[in-house]
Amino acid sequence: LSANYAMTDESSLYARYAEGFRAQTIQGRDVAFGEQPTVAKPETISSFEVGYKADLMSDRMRVNFGAFHYEVEDIQLSIIGGASNTNQVINADKADATGFELDLEWLITDHLLATLGYAYNDTEIKDPNLFVAPCGSTLCQAYDERNANGQVPVDGNPLPRTPENNFNFTLRWSFPLGDTAEIYVFTDWTYWGENQMSLYRTPEFITDSQYEGGLRIGYVNFEGDWEIAAFGRNITDEDNVLGYVDFSNNTGFVNEPAVWGLELRKNFGIY
């Protein structure tokens, strides 16, 4: 159920309510390790969103803003590693999330374009009876906080890999060479806040805030439909943890180091 109200020719408000359903999930990888497949029963979601969209400053700026809340009943979750080298699926009683997203495009001058994105997410798993096995290596702090069954609670934790803060930014400057070509400089940056990667809380699998940036300098020939550019990825050579292994050790795997290159592109035919 949705509604849209046009405030002016350049701006509008909207609201949306939705319900969804996901069928049961079966994880059969465990069979390869001599265990039975795990099954998670169906989950349902109820979500609500309100927002604002507008073209401002004589169409030089575009703004999209949305705030949301959703609740998932019997949410399906994965237990990866822990006491055994398996991937199991389970259900938690429920999980909810509240947040907002902002997306902005701004043509600052005829040759300078900036984009900005920000998202805030506050998520929580709610199930006082759900416990999981901590790291199989016994080397994480959560291992020392096990209950009588050798497990640790999940209740109150955020959804895995869902940092509260996410931010991205791009800037593109171009210099026309007549009507047929241009030189441009483009940079893009992304940032994400503290990130709990596992279902259970332990400091070994919570990353600090991380960021990564890129740079591209190029020449485009519109008449010949070709481009040459020098580029860099992860230009500050950050070591960002992207995942973890908690079965036999405390292992993290990271992003690629700084990469620099040269690219030549030519389009053939009419698109």
C-alpha atoms as a PDB file:
ATOM      1  CA  LEU A   1       0.000   0.000   0.000  1.00  0.00           C
ATOM      2  CA  SER A   2       1.581   3.276  -1.098  1.00  0.00           C
ATOM      3  CA  ALA A   3       0.689   6.919  -1.553  1.00  0.00           C
ATOM      4  CA  ASN A   4       2.440   9.813  -3.288  1.00  0.00           C
ATOM      5  CA  TYR A   5       1.671  13.505  -2.843  1.00  0.00           C
ATOM      6  CA  ALA A   6       3.081  16.072  -5.293  1.00  0.00           C
ATOM      7  CA  MET A   7       3.832  19.178  -3.229  1.00  0.00           C
ATOM      8  CA  THR A   8       5.026  21.111  -6.318  1.00  0.00           C
ATOM      9  CA  ASP A   9       6.160  20.232  -9.828  1.00  0.00           C
ATOM     10  CA  GLU A  10       9.640  19.651  -8.396  1.00  0.00           C
ATOM     11  CA  SER A  11       8.968  17.885  -5.078  1.00  0.00           C
ATOM     12  CA  SER A  12       6.861  15.104  -3.596  1.00  0.00           C
ATOM     13  CA  LEU A  13       6.196  13.136  -0.424  1.00  0.00           C
ATOM     14  CA  TYR A  14       5.526   9.416  -0.296  1.00  0.00           C
ATOM     15  CA  ALA A  15       4.561   6.700   2.178  1.00  0.00           C
ATOM     16  CA  ARG A  16       4.577   2.950   1.778  1.00  0.00           C
ATOM     17  CA  TYR A  17       3.529  -0.071   3.848  1.00  0.00           C
ATOM     18  CA  ALA A  18       4.396  -3.606   2.734  1.00  0.00           C
ATOM     19  CA  GLU A  19       4.336  -7.177   3.963  1.00  0.00           C
ATOM     20  CA  GLY A  20       6.500  -9.947   2.564  1.00  0.00           C
ATOM     21  CA  PHE A  21       7.176 -13.653   2.922  1.00  0.00           C
ATOM     22  CA  ARG A  22      10.249 -15.857   2.479  1.00  0.00           C
ATOM     23  CA  ALA A  23       9.876 -19.626   2.164  1.00  0.00           C
ATOM     24  CA  GLN A  24      11.817 -22.052   4.328  1.00  0.00           C
ATOM     25  CA  THR A  25      15.549 -22.428   3.729  1.00  0.00           C
ATOM     26  CA  ILE A  26      17.470 -25.710   3.660  1.00  0.00           C
ATOM     27  CA  GLN A  27      21.231 -25.814   4.162  1.00  0.00           C
ATOM     28  CA  GLY A  28      22.616 -29.100   2.896  1.00  0.00           C
ATOM     29  CA  ARG A  29      26.349 -28.414   3.091  1.00  0.00           C
ATOM     30  CA  ASP A  30      26.449 -30.052   6.519  1.00  0.00           C
ATOM     31  CA  VAL A  31      25.909 -33.461   4.890  1.00  0.00           C
ATOM     32  CA  ALA A  32      29.463 -33.357   3.539  1.00  0.00           C
ATOM     33  CA  PHE A  33      30.683 -33.252   7.145  1.00  0.00           C
ATOM     34  CA  GLY A  34      28.565 -36.164   8.358  1.00  0.00           C
ATOM     35  CA  GLU A  35      25.749 -34.078   9.817  1.00  0.00           C
ATOM     36  CA  GLN A  36      22.081 -33.637   9.002  1.00  0.00           C
ATOM     37  CA  PRO A  37      20.869 -30.718   6.846  1.00  0.00           C
ATOM     38  CA  THR A  38      19.521 -27.753   8.794  1.00  0.00           C
ATOM     39  CA  VAL A  39      16.155 -26.164   8.002  1.00  0.00           C
ATOM     40  CA  ALA A  40      14.886 -22.686   8.812  1.00  0.00           C
ATOM     41  CA  LYS A  41      11.127 -22.198   8.759  1.00  0.00           C
ATOM     42  CA  PRO A  42       9.497 -19.378   6.733  1.00  0.00           C
ATOM     43  CA  GLU A  43       9.892 -15.752   7.774  1.00  0.00           C
ATOM     44  CA  THR A  44       7.580 -12.748   7.307  1.00  0.00           C
ATOM     45  CA  ILE A  45       8.328  -9.035   7.247  1.00  0.00           C
ATOM     46  CA  SER A  46       6.275  -5.889   7.812  1.00  0.00           C
ATOM     47  CA  SER A  47       7.850  -2.606   6.707  1.00  0.00           C
ATOM     48  CA  PHE A  48       6.932   1.062   6.649  1.00  0.00           C
ATOM     49  CA  GLU A  49       8.710   3.878   4.808  1.00  0.00           C
ATOM     50  CA  VAL A  50       8.143   7.617   4.351  1.00  0.00           C
ATOM     51  CA  GLY A  51      10.194   9.940   2.210  1.00  0.00           C
ATOM     52  CA  TYR A  52      10.761  13.132   0.267  1.00  0.00           C
ATOM     53  CA  LYS A  53      12.044  13.648  -3.283  1.00  0.00           C
ATOM     54  CA  ALA A  54      12.871  16.949  -4.928  1.00  0.00           C
ATOM     55  CA  ASP A  55      14.698  18.703  -7.764  1.00  0.00           C
ATOM     56  CA  LEU A  56      16.059  21.987  -6.380  1.00  0.00           C
ATOM     57  CA  MET A  57      18.128  25.012  -7.431  1.00  0.00           C
ATOM     58  CA  SER A  58      16.732  25.143 -10.963  1.00  0.00           C
ATOM     59  CA  ASP A  59      17.270  21.386 -11.385  1.00  0.00           C
ATOM     60  CA  ARG A  60      20.931  21.598 -10.357  1.00  0.00           C
ATOM     61  CA  MET A  61      20.333  19.551  -7.206  1.00  0.00           C
ATOM     62  CA  ARG A  62      18.391  16.324  -6.666  1.00  0.00           C
ATOM     63  CA  VAL A  63      17.516  15.136  -3.159  1.00  0.00           C
ATOM     64  CA  ASN A  64      16.046  11.793  -2.070  1.00  0.00           C
ATOM     65  CA  PHE A  65      15.349  11.109   1.604  1.00  0.00           C
ATOM     66  CA  GLY A  66      13.632   8.113   3.164  1.00  0.00           C
ATOM     67  CA  ALA A  67      13.029   6.919   6.732  1.00  0.00           C
ATOM     68  CA  PHE A  68      12.014   3.336   7.429  1.00  0.00           C
ATOM     69  CA  HIS A  69      11.132   0.758  10.041  1.00  0.00           C
ATOM     70  CA  TYR A  70      10.667  -2.971   9.559  1.00  0.00           C
ATOM     71  CA  GLU A  71      10.117  -6.056  11.693  1.00  0.00           C
ATOM     72  CA  VAL A  72      10.889  -9.619  10.630  1.00  0.00           C
ATOM     73  CA  GLU A  73       9.125 -12.498  12.376  1.00  0.00           C
ATOM     74  CA  ASP A  74      11.022 -15.828  12.530  1.00  0.00           C
ATOM     75  CA  ILE A  75      13.981 -14.230  10.752  1.00  0.00           C
ATOM     76  CA  GLN A  76      16.296 -16.704   9.019  1.00  0.00           C
ATOM     77  CA  LEU A  77      19.943 -16.455  10.084  1.00  0.00           C
ATOM     78  CA  SER A  78      23.147 -18.346   9.310  1.00  0.00           C
ATOM     79  CA  ILE A  79      25.588 -19.828  11.808  1.00  0.00           C
ATOM     80  CA  ILE A  80      28.950 -20.014  10.050  1.00  0.00           C
ATOM     81  CA  GLY A  81      31.762 -21.919  11.734  1.00  0.00           C
ATOM     82  CA  GLY A  82      31.701 -21.820  15.503  1.00  0.00           C
ATOM     83  CA  ALA A  83      31.944 -25.269  17.072  1.00  0.00           C
ATOM     84  CA  SER A  84      32.205 -27.035  13.696  1.00  0.00           C
ATOM     85  CA  ASN A  85      33.257 -26.163  10.156  1.00  0.00           C
ATOM     86  CA  THR A  86      29.668 -25.913   8.891  1.00  0.00           C
ATOM     87  CA  ASN A  87      27.073 -23.434   7.712  1.00  0.00           C
ATOM     88  CA  GLN A  88      23.764 -23.885   9.520  1.00  0.00           C
ATOM     89  CA  VAL A  89      20.473 -22.002   9.144  1.00  0.00           C
ATOM     90  CA  ILE A  90      18.294 -21.115  12.138  1.00  0.00           C
ATOM     91  CA  ASN A  91      15.354 -18.892  13.069  1.00  0.00           C
ATOM     92  CA  ALA A  92      15.353 -16.098  15.598  1.00  0.00           C
ATOM     93  CA  ASP A  93      12.043 -15.026  17.101  1.00  0.00           C
ATOM     94  CA  LYS A  94      12.209 -11.600  15.459  1.00  0.00           C
ATOM     95  CA  ALA A  95      14.451  -8.723  14.395  1.00  0.00           C
ATOM     96  CA  ASP A  96      13.672  -5.103  13.716  1.00  0.00           C
ATOM     97  CA  ALA A  97      15.410  -2.159  12.123  1.00  0.00           C
ATOM     98  CA  THR A  98      14.926   1.602  12.063  1.00  0.00           C
ATOM     99  CA  GLY A  99      16.883   4.042   9.958  1.00  0.00           C
ATOM    100  CA  PHE A 100      17.029   6.559   7.161  1.00  0.00           C
ATOM    101  CA  GLU A 101      18.838   7.140   3.868  1.00  0.00           C
ATOM    102  CA  LEU A 102      19.877  10.363   2.135  1.00  0.00           C
ATOM    103  CA  ASP A 103      20.935  10.587  -1.514  1.00  0.00           C
ATOM    104  CA  LEU A 104      22.112  13.895  -2.986  1.00  0.00           C
ATOM    105  CA  GLU A 105      23.306  14.949  -6.458  1.00  0.00           C
ATOM    106  CA  TRP A 106      24.587  18.503  -6.935  1.00  0.00           C
ATOM    107  CA  LEU A 107      25.794  20.087 -10.168  1.00  0.00           C
ATOM    108  CA  ILE A 108      27.918  22.729  -8.438  1.00  0.00           C
ATOM    109  CA  THR A 109      29.033  24.267 -11.742  1.00  0.00           C
ATOM    110  CA  ASP A 110      28.509  23.208 -15.339  1.00  0.00           C
ATOM    111  CA  HIS A 111      31.679  21.127 -15.020  1.00  0.00           C
ATOM    112  CA  LEU A 112      31.702  20.000 -11.359  1.00  0.00           C
ATOM    113  CA  LEU A 113      29.298  17.300 -10.138  1.00  0.00           C
ATOM    114  CA  ALA A 114      29.168  15.965  -6.583  1.00  0.00           C
ATOM    115  CA  THR A 115      27.133  13.088  -5.145  1.00  0.00           C
ATOM    116  CA  LEU A 116      26.621  12.234  -1.510  1.00  0.00           C
ATOM    117  CA  GLY A 117      24.985   9.258   0.163  1.00  0.00           C
ATOM    118  CA  TYR A 118      24.439   8.488   3.835  1.00  0.00           C
ATOM    119  CA  ALA A 119      22.554   5.681   5.556  1.00  0.00           C
ATOM    120  CA  TYR A 120      21.838   5.035   9.225  1.00  0.00           C
ATOM    121  CA  ASN A 121      20.666   1.607  10.415  1.00  0.00           C
ATOM    122  CA  ASP A 122      19.727   0.594  13.954  1.00  0.00           C
ATOM    123  CA  THR A 123      19.047  -3.154  13.968  1.00  0.00           C
ATOM    124  CA  GLU A 124      18.392  -5.628  16.783  1.00  0.00           C
ATOM    125  CA  ILE A 125      17.806  -9.367  17.078  1.00  0.00           C
ATOM    126  CA  LYS A 126      15.141 -10.174  19.673  1.00  0.00           C
ATOM    127  CA  ASP A 127      15.138 -13.737  20.988  1.00  0.00           C
ATOM    128  CA  PRO A 128      16.078 -14.371  24.650  1.00  0.00           C
ATOM    129  CA  ASN A 129      16.088 -18.132  24.022  1.00  0.00           C
ATOM    130  CA  LEU A 130      18.521 -18.191  21.087  1.00  0.00           C
ATOM    131  CA  PHE A 131      22.101 -19.243  21.822  1.00  0.00           C
ATOM    132  CA  VAL A 132      24.901 -20.266  19.441  1.00  0.00           C
ATOM    133  CA  ALA A 133      28.340 -21.811  19.790  1.00  0.00           C
ATOM    134  CA  PRO A 134      31.220 -19.288  19.884  1.00  0.00           C
ATOM    135  CA  CYS A 135      34.573 -19.652  18.136  1.00  0.00           C
ATOM    136  CA  GLY A 136      35.791 -23.221  17.748  1.00  0.00           C
ATOM    137  CA  SER A 137      39.398 -22.167  18.336  1.00  0.00           C
ATOM    138  CA  THR A 138      38.590 -21.127  21.954  1.00  0.00           C
ATOM    139  CA  LEU A 139      40.666 -17.993  21.256  1.00  0.00           C
ATOM    140  CA  CYS A 140      37.880 -15.385  21.305  1.00  0.00           C
ATOM    141  CA  GLN A 141      36.597 -13.554  24.360  1.00  0.00           C
ATOM    142  CA  ALA A 142      33.053 -14.888  23.903  1.00  0.00           C
ATOM    143  CA  TYR A 143      34.343 -18.432  24.480  1.00  0.00           C
ATOM    144  CA  ASP A 144      35.002 -17.523  28.118  1.00  0.00           C
ATOM    145  CA  GLU A 145      31.403 -16.317  28.557  1.00  0.00           C
ATOM    146  CA  ARG A 146      29.614 -19.548  27.570  1.00  0.00           C
ATOM    147  CA  ASN A 147      26.626 -20.894  29.470  1.00  0.00           C
ATOM    148  CA  ALA A 148      26.293 -24.445  30.819  1.00  0.00           C
ATOM    149  CA  ASN A 149      25.594 -25.714  27.281  1.00  0.00           C
ATOM    150  CA  GLY A 150      28.742 -24.112  25.877  1.00  0.00           C
ATOM    151  CA  GLN A 151      26.823 -21.425  23.972  1.00  0.00           C
ATOM    152  CA  VAL A 152      26.513 -17.625  24.040  1.00  0.00           C
ATOM    153  CA  PRO A 153      23.406 -15.397  23.622  1.00  0.00           C
ATOM    154  CA  VAL A 154      22.344 -13.604  20.459  1.00  0.00           C
ATOM    155  CA  ASP A 155      19.481 -11.559  21.941  1.00  0.00           C
ATOM    156  CA  GLY A 156      20.017  -7.800  21.637  1.00  0.00           C
ATOM    157  CA  ASN A 157      22.779  -8.038  19.043  1.00  0.00           C
ATOM    158  CA  PRO A 158      22.607  -6.137  15.738  1.00  0.00           C
ATOM    159  CA  LEU A 159      22.095  -8.017  12.502  1.00  0.00           C
ATOM    160  CA  PRO A 160      25.470  -9.307  11.242  1.00  0.00           C
ATOM    161  CA  ARG A 161      27.406  -7.065   8.845  1.00  0.00           C
ATOM    162  CA  THR A 162      25.032  -4.142   9.342  1.00  0.00           C
ATOM    163  CA  PRO A 163      27.026  -1.117  10.533  1.00  0.00           C
ATOM    164  CA  GLU A 164      24.999   1.792  11.856  1.00  0.00           C
ATOM    165  CA  ASN A 165      26.687   4.324   9.585  1.00  0.00           C
ATOM    166  CA  ASN A 166      27.440   4.118   5.856  1.00  0.00           C
ATOM    167  CA  PHE A 167      28.684   7.034   3.773  1.00  0.00           C
ATOM    168  CA  ASN A 168      29.725   7.517   0.137  1.00  0.00           C
ATOM    169  CA  PHE A 169      30.907  10.532  -1.830  1.00  0.00           C
ATOM    170  CA  THR A 170      31.967  11.232  -5.423  1.00  0.00           C
ATOM    171  CA  LEU A 171      33.291  14.308  -7.192  1.00  0.00           C
ATOM    172  CA  ARG A 172      33.740  14.714 -10.959  1.00  0.00           C
ATOM    173  CA  TRP A 173      35.383  17.723 -12.643  1.00  0.00           C
ATOM    174  CA  SER A 174      35.532  18.035 -16.426  1.00  0.00           C
ATOM    175  CA  PHE A 175      37.248  20.431 -18.795  1.00  0.00           C
ATOM    176  CA  PRO A 176      35.752  20.584 -22.324  1.00  0.00           C
ATOM    177  CA  LEU A 177      38.067  20.522 -25.340  1.00  0.00           C
ATOM    178  CA  GLY A 178      35.789  22.080 -27.899  1.00  0.00           C
ATOM    179  CA  ASP A 179      32.560  20.224 -28.632  1.00  0.00           C
ATOM    180  CA  THR A 180      34.134  16.821 -29.282  1.00  0.00           C
ATOM    181  CA  ALA A 181      36.248  15.917 -26.241  1.00  0.00           C
ATOM    182  CA  GLU A 182      36.910  16.515 -22.561  1.00  0.00           C
ATOM    183  CA  ILE A 183      39.440  15.855 -19.831  1.00  0.00           C
ATOM    184  CA  TYR A 184      38.045  14.786 -16.465  1.00  0.00           C
ATOM    185  CA  VAL A 185      39.095  13.947 -12.925  1.00  0.00           C
ATOM    186  CA  PHE A 186      36.878  11.671 -10.830  1.00  0.00           C
ATOM    187  CA  THR A 187      37.224  10.483  -7.241  1.00  0.00           C
ATOM    188  CA  ASP A 188      34.961   8.255  -5.142  1.00  0.00           C
ATOM    189  CA  TRP A 189      35.047   7.418  -1.440  1.00  0.00           C
ATOM    190  CA  THR A 190      33.109   5.065   0.804  1.00  0.00           C
ATOM    191  CA  TYR A 191      33.046   4.780   4.605  1.00  0.00           C
ATOM    192  CA  TRP A 192      31.342   2.340   6.956  1.00  0.00           C
ATOM    193  CA  GLY A 193      31.296   2.392  10.724  1.00  0.00           C
ATOM    194  CA  GLU A 194      31.896  -0.258  13.359  1.00  0.00           C
ATOM    195  CA  ASN A 195      30.737  -3.597  12.001  1.00  0.00           C
ATOM    196  CA  GLN A 196      29.849  -6.733  13.991  1.00  0.00           C
ATOM    197  CA  MET A 197      30.413  -9.626  11.602  1.00  0.00           C
ATOM    198  CA  SER A 198      29.232 -12.581  13.684  1.00  0.00           C
ATOM    199  CA  LEU A 199      25.858 -13.377  15.249  1.00  0.00           C
ATOM    200  CA  TYR A 200      27.390 -13.394  18.714  1.00  0.00           C
ATOM    201  CA  ARG A 201      29.266 -10.451  20.189  1.00  0.00           C
ATOM    202  CA  THR A 202      33.024 -10.758  20.649  1.00  0.00           C
ATOM    203  CA  PRO A 203      35.634  -8.022  20.077  1.00  0.00           C
ATOM    204  CA  GLU A 204      37.735 -10.190  17.762  1.00  0.00           C
ATOM    205  CA  PHE A 205      35.024 -10.122  15.077  1.00  0.00           C
ATOM    206  CA  ILE A 206      34.004  -6.454  15.348  1.00  0.00           C
ATOM    207  CA  THR A 207      35.801  -4.128  12.947  1.00  0.00           C
ATOM    208  CA  ASP A 208      36.573  -0.472  13.535  1.00  0.00           C
ATOM    209  CA  SER A 209      35.391   2.175  11.094  1.00  0.00           C
ATOM    210  CA  GLN A 210      36.885   1.678   7.628  1.00  0.00           C
ATOM    211  CA  TYR A 211      37.084   3.611   4.372  1.00  0.00           C
ATOM    212  CA  GLU A 212      38.350   3.258   0.814  1.00  0.00           C
ATOM    213  CA  GLY A 213      38.896   5.721  -2.021  1.00  0.00           C
ATOM    214  CA  GLY A 214      39.482   5.740  -5.745  1.00  0.00           C
ATOM    215  CA  LEU A 215      40.791   8.143  -8.393  1.00  0.00           C
ATOM    216  CA  ARG A 216      40.425   8.312 -12.171  1.00  0.00           C
ATOM    217  CA  ILE A 217      41.894  10.830 -14.646  1.00  0.00           C
ATOM    218  CA  GLY A 218      40.871  10.490 -18.261  1.00  0.00           C
ATOM    219  CA  TYR A 219      40.386  11.885 -21.741  1.00  0.00           C
ATOM    220  CA  VAL A 220      37.141  11.221 -23.637  1.00  0.00           C
ATOM    221  CA  ASN A 221      36.713  11.736 -27.383  1.00  0.00           C
ATOM    222  CA  PHE A 222      32.986  11.934 -28.113  1.00  0.00           C
ATOM    223  CA  GLU A 223      33.431  12.130 -31.854  1.00  0.00           C
ATOM    224  CA  GLY A 224      35.474   8.937 -32.077  1.00  0.00           C
ATOM    225  CA  ASP A 225      33.686   7.382 -29.084  1.00  0.00           C
ATOM    226  CA  TRP A 226      36.862   6.336 -27.258  1.00  0.00           C
ATOM    227  CA  GLU A 227      38.459   7.026 -23.881  1.00  0.00           C
ATOM    228  CA  ILE A 228      41.825   6.614 -22.169  1.00  0.00           C
ATOM    229  CA  ALA A 229      42.203   6.893 -18.404  1.00  0.00           C
ATOM    230  CA  ALA A 230      44.630   6.266 -15.561  1.00  0.00           C
ATOM    231  CA  PHE A 231      42.988   4.899 -12.427  1.00  0.00           C
ATOM    232  CA  GLY A 232      43.693   3.952  -8.837  1.00  0.00           C
ATOM    233  CA  ARG A 233      41.699   1.815  -6.423  1.00  0.00           C
ATOM    234  CA  ASN A 234      42.183   1.893  -2.654  1.00  0.00           C
ATOM    235  CA  ILE A 235      44.579   4.767  -3.266  1.00  0.00           C
ATOM    236  CA  THR A 236      45.456   5.154   0.429  1.00  0.00           C
ATOM    237  CA  ASP A 237      46.324   1.428   0.636  1.00  0.00           C
ATOM    238  CA  GLU A 238      43.941   0.692   3.513  1.00  0.00           C
ATOM    239  CA  ASP A 239      43.788  -2.780   5.096  1.00  0.00           C
ATOM    240  CA  ASN A 240      40.038  -3.283   5.540  1.00  0.00           C
ATOM    241  CA  VAL A 241      38.725  -6.492   7.082  1.00  0.00           C
ATOM    242  CA  LEU A 242      35.909  -7.890   4.908  1.00  0.00           C
ATOM    243  CA  GLY A 243      35.261 -11.249   6.578  1.00  0.00           C
ATOM    244  CA  TYR A 244      36.374 -13.717   9.212  1.00  0.00           C
ATOM    245  CA  VAL A 245      36.811 -17.411  10.062  1.00  0.00           C
ATOM    246  CA  ASP A 246      35.976 -18.492  13.616  1.00  0.00           C
ATOM    247  CA  PHE A 247      36.259 -22.270  13.369  1.00  0.00           C
ATOM    248  CA  SER A 248      39.900 -23.204  13.984  1.00  0.00           C
ATOM    249  CA  ASN A 249      41.486 -19.762  14.411  1.00  0.00           C
ATOM    250  CA  ASN A 250      40.767 -16.038  14.476  1.00  0.00           C
ATOM    251  CA  THR A 251      41.326 -15.291  10.812  1.00  0.00           C
ATOM    252  CA  GLY A 252      40.255 -12.219   8.883  1.00  0.00           C
ATOM    253  CA  PHE A 253      40.466 -11.651   5.143  1.00  0.00           C
ATOM    254  CA  VAL A 254      41.010  -8.178   3.779  1.00  0.00           C
ATOM    255  CA  ASN A 255      40.464  -6.081   0.682  1.00  0.00           C
ATOM    256  CA  GLU A 256      42.927  -5.722  -2.189  1.00  0.00           C
ATOM    257  CA  PRO A 257      45.901  -3.379  -1.693  1.00  0.00           C
ATOM    258  CA  ALA A 258      46.321  -0.201  -3.731  1.00  0.00           C
ATOM    259  CA  VAL A 259      45.921  -0.912  -7.461  1.00  0.00           C
ATOM    260  CA  TRP A 260      47.038   1.460 -10.222  1.00  0.00           C
ATOM    261  CA  GLY A 261      46.396   1.001 -13.917  1.00  0.00           C
ATOM    262  CA  LEU A 262      45.729   2.366 -17.371  1.00  0.00           C
ATOM    263  CA  GLU A 263      42.537   1.702 -19.328  1.00  0.00           C
ATOM    264  CA  LEU A 264      41.700   2.204 -23.014  1.00  0.00           C
ATOM    265  CA  ARG A 265      38.086   1.896 -24.150  1.00  0.00           C
ATOM    266  CA  LYS A 266      36.583   2.058 -27.644  1.00  0.00           C
ATOM    267  CA  ASN A 267      32.896   1.683 -28.507  1.00  0.00           C
ATOM    268  CA  PHE A 268      31.890   0.220 -31.876  1.00  0.00           C
ATOM    269  CA  GLY A 269      28.510   0.665 -33.474  1.00  0.00           C
ATOM    270  CA  ILE A 270      25.494   2.660 -32.361  1.00  0.00           C
ATOM    271  CA  TYR A 271      23.890   2.146 -28.962  1.00  0.00           C
END
